[in-house]
Structures are given as C-alpha cells and as structure tokens.
Amino acid sequence: MSNDHVWSFTAPTTDLYLVTLVSQFDSLLYASTSCDITATTCLKADDEIGTGTAEFILIDVNANDTAYIFVDGWNNFSNVAGAYTLKVEYSP
C-alpha cells in the first residue's frame, strides 16, 4: 500500500485555493476537511496517469478553516513513492 503524506493548510481568508502537485512518481492528489477521509469530507481529487504529470485541484476554503492535502501513490498494492513539489496558492 502506498504511504500517504498529509499536509495541513489553514486559509488566511475565505477564497479559492489552487493546489498543484508535480511528482517523480505516479501520484494521486486529494484534499479533505478531515484527516479521516470519507465521501463526505473529501473536497476534491485529481489522478493524472503517469510519472511527472502535474495534478491540480481547486478548493474553496473558509477563513481559519483547515484543509488536509494528501499526496499518495496511485497503487494500493505496492508503495509507490518519490520526490514531489506541492504548492498551495490563492486563486482569484
């Protein structure tokens, strides 16, 4: 099973935020309102096929609320992992 890396982001203002992931492995990007991911807490997800492809999600977060951003390998049968760059930025 691929190990998740979980990052938290607390929004300074109520806005849309663009989350970008570029990885050196076949990754999966998703965001949730909780570390315990369920269908009701998931905000957005993106899974592009292949290594080195960028994944993007646009999340709506209220001021002072925390979003949990997950970086995961696409495969649950082996530990798909590697280097990556994760960026969160305000999206006007």
PDB file of N, CA and C in Angstrom:
ATOM      1  N   MET A   1       0.829  -1.172   0.000  1.00  0.00           N
ATOM      2  CA  MET A   1       0.000   0.000   0.000  1.00  0.00           C
ATOM      3  C   MET A   1       0.881   1.245   0.000  1.00  0.00           C
ATOM      4  N   SER A   2       0.560   2.223  -0.824  1.00  0.00           N
ATOM      5  CA  SER A   2       1.345   3.456  -0.867  1.00  0.00           C
ATOM      6  C   SER A   2       1.112   4.276   0.391  1.00  0.00           C
ATOM      7  N   ASN A   3       2.194   4.808   0.927  1.00  0.00           N
ATOM      8  CA  ASN A   3       2.092   5.665   2.106  1.00  0.00           C
ATOM      9  C   ASN A   3       1.621   7.051   1.702  1.00  0.00           C
ATOM     10  N   ASP A   4       0.678   7.604   2.459  1.00  0.00           N
ATOM     11  CA  ASP A   4       0.214   8.963   2.230  1.00  0.00           C
ATOM     12  C   ASP A   4       1.124   9.942   2.950  1.00  0.00           C
ATOM     13  N   HIS A   5       1.322  11.095   2.341  1.00  0.00           N
ATOM     14  CA  HIS A   5       1.872  12.247   3.037  1.00  0.00           C
ATOM     15  C   HIS A   5       0.699  13.199   3.185  1.00  0.00           C
ATOM     16  N   VAL A   6       0.478  13.700   4.389  1.00  0.00           N
ATOM     17  CA  VAL A   6      -0.647  14.590   4.650  1.00  0.00           C
ATOM     18  C   VAL A   6      -0.116  15.931   5.129  1.00  0.00           C
ATOM     19  N   TRP A   7      -0.579  16.978   4.478  1.00  0.00           N
ATOM     20  CA  TRP A   7      -0.197  18.343   4.827  1.00  0.00           C
ATOM     21  C   TRP A   7      -1.459  19.094   5.231  1.00  0.00           C
ATOM     22  N   SER A   8      -1.330  20.009   6.158  1.00  0.00           N
ATOM     23  CA  SER A   8      -2.483  20.825   6.529  1.00  0.00           C
ATOM     24  C   SER A   8      -2.265  22.254   6.040  1.00  0.00           C
ATOM     25  N   PHE A   9      -3.364  22.882   5.655  1.00  0.00           N
ATOM     26  CA  PHE A   9      -3.352  24.256   5.174  1.00  0.00           C
ATOM     27  C   PHE A   9      -4.506  24.987   5.840  1.00  0.00           C
ATOM     28  N   THR A  10      -4.208  26.059   6.574  1.00  0.00           N
ATOM     29  CA  THR A  10      -5.241  26.887   7.188  1.00  0.00           C
ATOM     30  C   THR A  10      -5.363  28.160   6.363  1.00  0.00           C
ATOM     31  N   ALA A  11      -6.548  28.385   5.834  1.00  0.00           N
ATOM     32  CA  ALA A  11      -6.773  29.513   4.929  1.00  0.00           C
ATOM     33  C   ALA A  11      -6.752  30.840   5.688  1.00  0.00           C
ATOM     34  N   PRO A  12      -5.984  31.802   5.209  1.00  0.00           N
ATOM     35  CA  PRO A  12      -5.973  33.110   5.854  1.00  0.00           C
ATOM     36  C   PRO A  12      -7.241  33.914   5.565  1.00  0.00           C
ATOM     37  N   THR A  13      -7.857  33.648   4.405  1.00  0.00           N
ATOM     38  CA  THR A  13      -9.095  34.321   4.001  1.00  0.00           C
ATOM     39  C   THR A  13     -10.013  33.314   3.329  1.00  0.00           C
ATOM     40  N   THR A  14     -11.288  33.621   3.252  1.00  0.00           N
ATOM     41  CA  THR A  14     -12.237  32.770   2.534  1.00  0.00           C
ATOM     42  C   THR A  14     -12.026  32.989   1.047  1.00  0.00           C
ATOM     43  N   ASP A  15     -11.547  31.958   0.371  1.00  0.00           N
ATOM     44  CA  ASP A  15     -11.212  32.082  -1.048  1.00  0.00           C
ATOM     45  C   ASP A  15     -11.091  30.708  -1.681  1.00  0.00           C
ATOM     46  N   LEU A  16     -10.857  30.738  -2.994  1.00  0.00           N
ATOM     47  CA  LEU A  16     -10.479  29.535  -3.725  1.00  0.00           C
ATOM     48  C   LEU A  16      -8.967  29.438  -3.707  1.00  0.00           C
ATOM     49  N   TYR A  17      -8.473  28.223  -3.522  1.00  0.00           N
ATOM     50  CA  TYR A  17      -7.032  27.979  -3.497  1.00  0.00           C
ATOM     51  C   TYR A  17      -6.696  26.886  -4.490  1.00  0.00           C
ATOM     52  N   LEU A  18      -5.653  27.131  -5.270  1.00  0.00           N
ATOM     53  CA  LEU A  18      -5.172  26.166  -6.248  1.00  0.00           C
ATOM     54  C   LEU A  18      -4.065  25.344  -5.606  1.00  0.00           C
ATOM     55  N   VAL A  19      -4.245  24.025  -5.604  1.00  0.00           N
ATOM     56  CA  VAL A  19      -3.243  23.110  -5.076  1.00  0.00           C
ATOM     57  C   VAL A  19      -2.633  22.380  -6.263  1.00  0.00           C
ATOM     58  N   THR A  20      -1.321  22.436  -6.393  1.00  0.00           N
ATOM     59  CA  THR A  20      -0.611  21.829  -7.516  1.00  0.00           C
ATOM     60  C   THR A  20       0.398  20.819  -6.991  1.00  0.00           C
ATOM     61  N   LEU A  21       0.411  19.653  -7.608  1.00  0.00           N
ATOM     62  CA  LEU A  21       1.373  18.601  -7.270  1.00  0.00           C
ATOM     63  C   LEU A  21       2.103  18.177  -8.535  1.00  0.00           C
ATOM     64  N   VAL A  22       3.423  18.219  -8.493  1.00  0.00           N
ATOM     65  CA  VAL A  22       4.264  17.673  -9.559  1.00  0.00           C
ATOM     66  C   VAL A  22       5.180  16.657  -8.894  1.00  0.00           C
ATOM     67  N   SER A  23       5.117  15.404  -9.358  1.00  0.00           N
ATOM     68  CA  SER A  23       5.869  14.351  -8.683  1.00  0.00           C
ATOM     69  C   SER A  23       6.735  13.565  -9.666  1.00  0.00           C
ATOM     70  N   GLN A  24       7.693  12.848  -9.094  1.00  0.00           N
ATOM     71  CA  GLN A  24       8.557  11.977  -9.888  1.00  0.00           C
ATOM     72  C   GLN A  24       8.085  10.528  -9.779  1.00  0.00           C
ATOM     73  N   PHE A  25       6.794  10.347  -9.496  1.00  0.00           N
ATOM     74  CA  PHE A  25       6.164   9.029  -9.446  1.00  0.00           C
ATOM     75  C   PHE A  25       4.699   9.202  -9.831  1.00  0.00           C
ATOM     76  N   ASP A  26       4.013   8.124 -10.102  1.00  0.00           N
ATOM     77  CA  ASP A  26       2.599   8.199 -10.467  1.00  0.00           C
ATOM     78  C   ASP A  26       1.794   8.442  -9.193  1.00  0.00           C
ATOM     79  N   SER A  27       1.343   9.673  -9.030  1.00  0.00           N
ATOM     80  CA  SER A  27       0.761  10.113  -7.761  1.00  0.00           C
ATOM     81  C   SER A  27      -0.736  10.374  -7.865  1.00  0.00           C
ATOM     82  N   LEU A  28      -1.300  10.644  -6.710  1.00  0.00           N
ATOM     83  CA  LEU A  28      -2.707  10.983  -6.559  1.00  0.00           C
ATOM     84  C   LEU A  28      -2.778  12.142  -5.571  1.00  0.00           C
ATOM     85  N   LEU A  29      -3.549  13.175  -5.896  1.00  0.00           N
ATOM     86  CA  LEU A  29      -3.686  14.356  -5.051  1.00  0.00           C
ATOM     87  C   LEU A  29      -5.140  14.485  -4.639  1.00  0.00           C
ATOM     88  N   TYR A  30      -5.396  14.678  -3.342  1.00  0.00           N
ATOM     89  CA  TYR A  30      -6.754  14.962  -2.900  1.00  0.00           C
ATOM     90  C   TYR A  30      -6.721  15.794  -1.628  1.00  0.00           C
ATOM     91  N   ALA A  31      -7.844  16.461  -1.364  1.00  0.00           N
ATOM     92  CA  ALA A  31      -7.975  17.327  -0.185  1.00  0.00           C
ATOM     93  C   ALA A  31      -9.255  16.975   0.542  1.00  0.00           C
ATOM     94  N   SER A  32      -9.216  17.168   1.861  1.00  0.00           N
ATOM     95  CA  SER A  32     -10.323  16.790   2.719  1.00  0.00           C
ATOM     96  C   SER A  32     -10.456  17.800   3.853  1.00  0.00           C
ATOM     97  N   THR A  33     -11.633  17.831   4.468  1.00  0.00           N
ATOM     98  CA  THR A  33     -11.839  18.678   5.644  1.00  0.00           C
ATOM     99  C   THR A  33     -11.409  17.963   6.919  1.00  0.00           C
ATOM    100  N   SER A  34     -10.959  16.714   6.787  1.00  0.00           N
ATOM    101  CA  SER A  34     -10.583  15.904   7.942  1.00  0.00           C
ATOM    102  C   SER A  34      -9.432  14.979   7.550  1.00  0.00           C
ATOM    103  N   CYS A  35      -8.621  14.584   8.515  1.00  0.00           N
ATOM    104  CA  CYS A  35      -7.586  13.584   8.246  1.00  0.00           C
ATOM    105  C   CYS A  35      -8.204  12.212   8.020  1.00  0.00           C
ATOM    106  N   ASP A  36      -9.417  12.027   8.494  1.00  0.00           N
ATOM    107  CA  ASP A  36     -10.156  10.781   8.286  1.00  0.00           C
ATOM    108  C   ASP A  36     -10.984  10.949   7.016  1.00  0.00           C
ATOM    109  N   ILE A  37     -10.407  10.582   5.886  1.00  0.00           N
ATOM    110  CA  ILE A  37     -11.030  10.833   4.590  1.00  0.00           C
ATOM    111  C   ILE A  37     -12.248   9.926   4.374  1.00  0.00           C
ATOM    112  N   THR A  38     -13.361  10.553   4.042  1.00  0.00           N
ATOM    113  CA  THR A  38     -14.590   9.835   3.692  1.00  0.00           C
ATOM    114  C   THR A  38     -15.237  10.556   2.520  1.00  0.00           C
ATOM    115  N   ALA A  39     -16.292   9.989   1.994  1.00  0.00           N
ATOM    116  CA  ALA A  39     -17.001  10.621   0.882  1.00  0.00           C
ATOM    117  C   ALA A  39     -17.563  11.983   1.282  1.00  0.00           C
ATOM    118  N   THR A  40     -17.892  12.160   2.545  1.00  0.00           N
ATOM    119  CA  THR A  40     -18.482  13.430   2.977  1.00  0.00           C
ATOM    120  C   THR A  40     -17.441  14.485   3.339  1.00  0.00           C
ATOM    121  N   THR A  41     -16.191  14.089   3.555  1.00  0.00           N
ATOM    122  CA  THR A  41     -15.162  15.066   3.914  1.00  0.00           C
ATOM    123  C   THR A  41     -14.252  15.429   2.742  1.00  0.00           C
ATOM    124  N   CYS A  42     -14.306  14.666   1.661  1.00  0.00           N
ATOM    125  CA  CYS A  42     -13.446  14.918   0.508  1.00  0.00           C
ATOM    126  C   CYS A  42     -13.866  16.214  -0.194  1.00  0.00           C
ATOM    127  N   LEU A  43     -12.901  17.104  -0.429  1.00  0.00           N
ATOM    128  CA  LEU A  43     -13.181  18.357  -1.126  1.00  0.00           C
ATOM    129  C   LEU A  43     -13.000  18.210  -2.636  1.00  0.00           C
ATOM    130  N   LYS A  44     -11.882  17.658  -3.055  1.00  0.00           N
ATOM    131  CA  LYS A  44     -11.557  17.465  -4.471  1.00  0.00           C
ATOM    132  C   LYS A  44     -10.450  16.437  -4.583  1.00  0.00           C
ATOM    133  N   ALA A  45     -10.310  15.871  -5.796  1.00  0.00           N
ATOM    134  CA  ALA A  45      -9.230  14.918  -6.063  1.00  0.00           C
ATOM    135  C   ALA A  45      -8.828  15.004  -7.528  1.00  0.00           C
ATOM    136  N   ASP A  46      -7.580  14.640  -7.805  1.00  0.00           N
ATOM    137  CA  ASP A  46      -7.091  14.557  -9.185  1.00  0.00           C
ATOM    138  C   ASP A  46      -6.076  13.433  -9.263  1.00  0.00           C
ATOM    139  N   ASP A  47      -6.224  12.599 -10.278  1.00  0.00           N
ATOM    140  CA  ASP A  47      -5.306  11.491 -10.505  1.00  0.00           C
ATOM    141  C   ASP A  47      -4.985  11.430 -11.990  1.00  0.00           C
ATOM    142  N   GLU A  48      -3.890  12.063 -12.372  1.00  0.00           N
ATOM    143  CA  GLU A  48      -3.420  12.008 -13.755  1.00  0.00           C
ATOM    144  C   GLU A  48      -2.536  10.775 -13.896  1.00  0.00           C
ATOM    145  N   ILE A  49      -2.610  10.126 -15.035  1.00  0.00           N
ATOM    146  CA  ILE A  49      -1.859   8.897 -15.261  1.00  0.00           C
ATOM    147  C   ILE A  49      -0.426   9.223 -15.683  1.00  0.00           C
ATOM    148  N   GLY A  50       0.535   8.574 -15.033  1.00  0.00           N
ATOM    149  CA  GLY A  50       1.925   8.678 -15.445  1.00  0.00           C
ATOM    150  C   GLY A  50       2.804   9.427 -14.463  1.00  0.00           C
ATOM    151  N   THR A  51       4.084   9.306 -14.713  1.00  0.00           N
ATOM    152  CA  THR A  51       5.106   9.941 -13.885  1.00  0.00           C
ATOM    153  C   THR A  51       5.416  11.322 -14.441  1.00  0.00           C
ATOM    154  N   GLY A  52       5.571  12.308 -13.547  1.00  0.00           N
ATOM    155  CA  GLY A  52       5.960  13.648 -13.971  1.00  0.00           C
ATOM    156  C   GLY A  52       4.808  14.514 -14.449  1.00  0.00           C
ATOM    157  N   THR A  53       3.588  14.020 -14.378  1.00  0.00           N
ATOM    158  CA  THR A  53       2.444  14.831 -14.774  1.00  0.00           C
ATOM    159  C   THR A  53       1.983  15.669 -13.590  1.00  0.00           C
ATOM    160  N   ALA A  54       1.483  16.856 -13.872  1.00  0.00           N
ATOM    161  CA  ALA A  54       1.006  17.738 -12.807  1.00  0.00           C
ATOM    162  C   ALA A  54      -0.447  17.421 -12.491  1.00  0.00           C
ATOM    163  N   GLU A  55      -0.777  17.471 -11.220  1.00  0.00           N
ATOM    164  CA  GLU A  55      -2.146  17.304 -10.767  1.00  0.00           C
ATOM    165  C   GLU A  55      -2.577  18.601 -10.105  1.00  0.00           C
ATOM    166  N   PHE A  56      -3.830  18.992 -10.347  1.00  0.00           N
ATOM    167  CA  PHE A  56      -4.349  20.261  -9.856  1.00  0.00           C
ATOM    168  C   PHE A  56      -5.716  20.038  -9.229  1.00  0.00           C
ATOM    169  N   ILE A  57      -5.959  20.708  -8.107  1.00  0.00           N
ATOM    170  CA  ILE A  57      -7.306  20.786  -7.556  1.00  0.00           C
ATOM    171  C   ILE A  57      -7.557  22.220  -7.110  1.00  0.00           C
ATOM    172  N   LEU A  58      -8.789  22.656  -7.240  1.00  0.00           N
ATOM    173  CA  LEU A  58      -9.204  23.974  -6.802  1.00  0.00           C
ATOM    174  C   LEU A  58     -10.166  23.768  -5.645  1.00  0.00           C
ATOM    175  N   ILE A  59      -9.786  24.259  -4.448  1.00  0.00           N
ATOM    176  CA  ILE A  59     -10.602  24.032  -3.263  1.00  0.00           C
ATOM    177  C   ILE A  59     -11.098  25.360  -2.695  1.00  0.00           C
ATOM    178  N   ASP A  60     -12.320  25.357  -2.227  1.00  0.00           N
ATOM    179  CA  ASP A  60     -12.950  26.514  -1.604  1.00  0.00           C
ATOM    180  C   ASP A  60     -12.824  26.343  -0.088  1.00  0.00           C
ATOM    181  N   VAL A  61     -12.065  27.243   0.557  1.00  0.00           N
ATOM    182  CA  VAL A  61     -11.805  27.112   1.990  1.00  0.00           C
ATOM    183  C   VAL A  61     -12.180  28.425   2.683  1.00  0.00           C
ATOM    184  N   ASN A  62     -12.898  28.314   3.788  1.00  0.00           N
ATOM    185  CA  ASN A  62     -13.275  29.486   4.579  1.00  0.00           C
ATOM    186  C   ASN A  62     -12.103  29.949   5.437  1.00  0.00           C
ATOM    187  N   ALA A  63     -12.102  31.222   5.763  1.00  0.00           N
ATOM    188  CA  ALA A  63     -11.057  31.800   6.610  1.00  0.00           C
ATOM    189  C   ALA A  63     -10.934  31.018   7.908  1.00  0.00           C
ATOM    190  N   ASN A  64      -9.713  30.706   8.274  1.00  0.00           N
ATOM    191  CA  ASN A  64      -9.343  29.990   9.506  1.00  0.00           C
ATOM    192  C   ASN A  64      -9.756  28.522   9.528  1.00  0.00           C
ATOM    193  N   ASP A  65     -10.319  28.007   8.432  1.00  0.00           N
ATOM    194  CA  ASP A  65     -10.597  26.574   8.329  1.00  0.00           C
ATOM    195  C   ASP A  65      -9.357  25.857   7.804  1.00  0.00           C
ATOM    196  N   THR A  66      -9.209  24.606   8.171  1.00  0.00           N
ATOM    197  CA  THR A  66      -8.059  23.818   7.749  1.00  0.00           C
ATOM    198  C   THR A  66      -8.484  22.787   6.711  1.00  0.00           C
ATOM    199  N   ALA A  67      -7.722  22.731   5.637  1.00  0.00           N
ATOM    200  CA  ALA A  67      -7.876  21.680   4.629  1.00  0.00           C
ATOM    201  C   ALA A  67      -6.676  20.753   4.756  1.00  0.00           C
ATOM    202  N   TYR A  68      -6.918  19.460   4.636  1.00  0.00           N
ATOM    203  CA  TYR A  68      -5.850  18.461   4.684  1.00  0.00           C
ATOM    204  C   TYR A  68      -5.586  18.006   3.256  1.00  0.00           C
ATOM    205  N   ILE A  69      -4.331  18.109   2.853  1.00  0.00           N
ATOM    206  CA  ILE A  69      -3.937  17.801   1.480  1.00  0.00           C
ATOM    207  C   ILE A  69      -3.123  16.516   1.502  1.00  0.00           C
ATOM    208  N   PHE A  70      -3.572  15.550   0.715  1.00  0.00           N
ATOM    209  CA  PHE A  70      -2.969  14.227   0.680  1.00  0.00           C
ATOM    210  C   PHE A  70      -2.184  14.031  -0.614  1.00  0.00           C
ATOM    211  N   VAL A  71      -0.947  13.567  -0.484  1.00  0.00           N
ATOM    212  CA  VAL A  71      -0.129  13.140  -1.615  1.00  0.00           C
ATOM    213  C   VAL A  71       0.029  11.636  -1.451  1.00  0.00           C
ATOM    214  N   ASP A  72      -0.405  10.902  -2.454  1.00  0.00           N
ATOM    215  CA  ASP A  72      -0.456   9.444  -2.358  1.00  0.00           C
ATOM    216  C   ASP A  72       0.057   8.844  -3.658  1.00  0.00           C
ATOM    217  N   GLY A  73       0.532   7.620  -3.592  1.00  0.00           N
ATOM    218  CA  GLY A  73       0.854   6.873  -4.802  1.00  0.00           C
ATOM    219  C   GLY A  73      -0.423   6.259  -5.351  1.00  0.00           C
ATOM    220  N   TRP A  74      -0.501   6.096  -6.640  1.00  0.00           N
ATOM    221  CA  TRP A  74      -1.739   5.628  -7.264  1.00  0.00           C
ATOM    222  C   TRP A  74      -2.050   4.181  -6.934  1.00  0.00           C
ATOM    223  N   ASN A  75      -1.050   3.394  -6.575  1.00  0.00           N
ATOM    224  CA  ASN A  75      -1.214   1.948  -6.432  1.00  0.00           C
ATOM    225  C   ASN A  75      -1.326   1.554  -4.968  1.00  0.00           C
ATOM    226  N   ASN A  76      -2.367   0.817  -4.628  1.00  0.00           N
ATOM    227  CA  ASN A  76      -2.526   0.340  -3.253  1.00  0.00           C
ATOM    228  C   ASN A  76      -1.920  -1.045  -3.030  1.00  0.00           C
ATOM    229  N   PHE A  77      -1.241  -1.597  -4.041  1.00  0.00           N
ATOM    230  CA  PHE A  77      -0.651  -2.925  -3.911  1.00  0.00           C
ATOM    231  C   PHE A  77       0.861  -2.876  -3.722  1.00  0.00           C
ATOM    232  N   SER A  78       1.451  -1.707  -3.904  1.00  0.00           N
ATOM    233  CA  SER A  78       2.879  -1.529  -3.651  1.00  0.00           C
ATOM    234  C   SER A  78       3.093  -0.088  -3.197  1.00  0.00           C
ATOM    235  N   ASN A  79       4.230   0.184  -2.592  1.00  0.00           N
ATOM    236  CA  ASN A  79       4.497   1.517  -2.070  1.00  0.00           C
ATOM    237  C   ASN A  79       5.085   2.400  -3.157  1.00  0.00           C
ATOM    238  N   VAL A  80       4.214   3.048  -3.932  1.00  0.00           N
ATOM    239  CA  VAL A  80       4.631   3.968  -4.981  1.00  0.00           C
ATOM    240  C   VAL A  80       4.939   5.307  -4.316  1.00  0.00           C
ATOM    241  N   ALA A  81       6.183   5.776  -4.431  1.00  0.00           N
ATOM    242  CA  ALA A  81       6.583   7.000  -3.750  1.00  0.00           C
ATOM    243  C   ALA A  81       7.751   7.643  -4.490  1.00  0.00           C
ATOM    244  N   GLY A  82       8.110   8.846  -4.082  1.00  0.00           N
ATOM    245  CA  GLY A  82       9.237   9.550  -4.667  1.00  0.00           C
ATOM    246  C   GLY A  82       9.204  11.017  -4.315  1.00  0.00           C
ATOM    247  N   ALA A  83      10.064  11.774  -4.971  1.00  0.00           N
ATOM    248  CA  ALA A  83      10.149  13.210  -4.721  1.00  0.00           C
ATOM    249  C   ALA A  83       8.966  13.923  -5.372  1.00  0.00           C
ATOM    250  N   TYR A  84       8.556  15.037  -4.754  1.00  0.00           N
ATOM    251  CA  TYR A  84       7.461  15.826  -5.326  1.00  0.00           C
ATOM    252  C   TYR A  84       7.544  17.272  -4.855  1.00  0.00           C
ATOM    253  N   THR A  85       6.843  18.130  -5.581  1.00  0.00           N
ATOM    254  CA  THR A  85       6.666  19.528  -5.201  1.00  0.00           C
ATOM    255  C   THR A  85       5.184  19.787  -5.052  1.00  0.00           C
ATOM    256  N   LEU A  86       4.795  20.345  -3.920  1.00  0.00           N
ATOM    257  CA  LEU A  86       3.404  20.648  -3.625  1.00  0.00           C
ATOM    258  C   LEU A  86       3.297  22.156  -3.388  1.00  0.00           C
ATOM    259  N   LYS A  87       2.323  22.774  -4.031  1.00  0.00           N
ATOM    260  CA  LYS A  87       2.169  24.221  -3.894  1.00  0.00           C
ATOM    261  C   LYS A  87       0.694  24.557  -3.668  1.00  0.00           C
ATOM    262  N   VAL A  88       0.430  25.456  -2.729  1.00  0.00           N
ATOM    263  CA  VAL A  88      -0.915  25.979  -2.485  1.00  0.00           C
ATOM    264  C   VAL A  88      -0.855  27.475  -2.684  1.00  0.00           C
ATOM    265  N   GLU A  89      -1.756  27.993  -3.545  1.00  0.00           N
ATOM    266  CA  GLU A  89      -1.750  29.424  -3.790  1.00  0.00           C
ATOM    267  C   GLU A  89      -3.165  29.948  -3.977  1.00  0.00           C
ATOM    268  N   TYR A  90      -3.339  31.207  -3.627  1.00  0.00           N
ATOM    269  CA  TYR A  90      -4.610  31.886  -3.794  1.00  0.00           C
ATOM    270  C   TYR A  90      -4.957  31.899  -5.273  1.00  0.00           C
ATOM    271  N   SER A  91      -6.217  31.629  -5.596  1.00  0.00           N
ATOM    272  CA  SER A  91      -6.654  31.602  -6.991  1.00  0.00           C
ATOM    273  C   SER A  91      -7.794  32.597  -7.180  1.00  0.00           C
ATOM    274  N   PRO A  92      -7.481  33.781  -7.695  1.00  0.00           N
ATOM    275  CA  PRO A  92      -8.526  34.814  -7.848  1.00  0.00           C
ATOM    276  C   PRO A  92      -9.637  34.399  -8.807  1.00  0.00           C
TER     277      PRO A  92
END
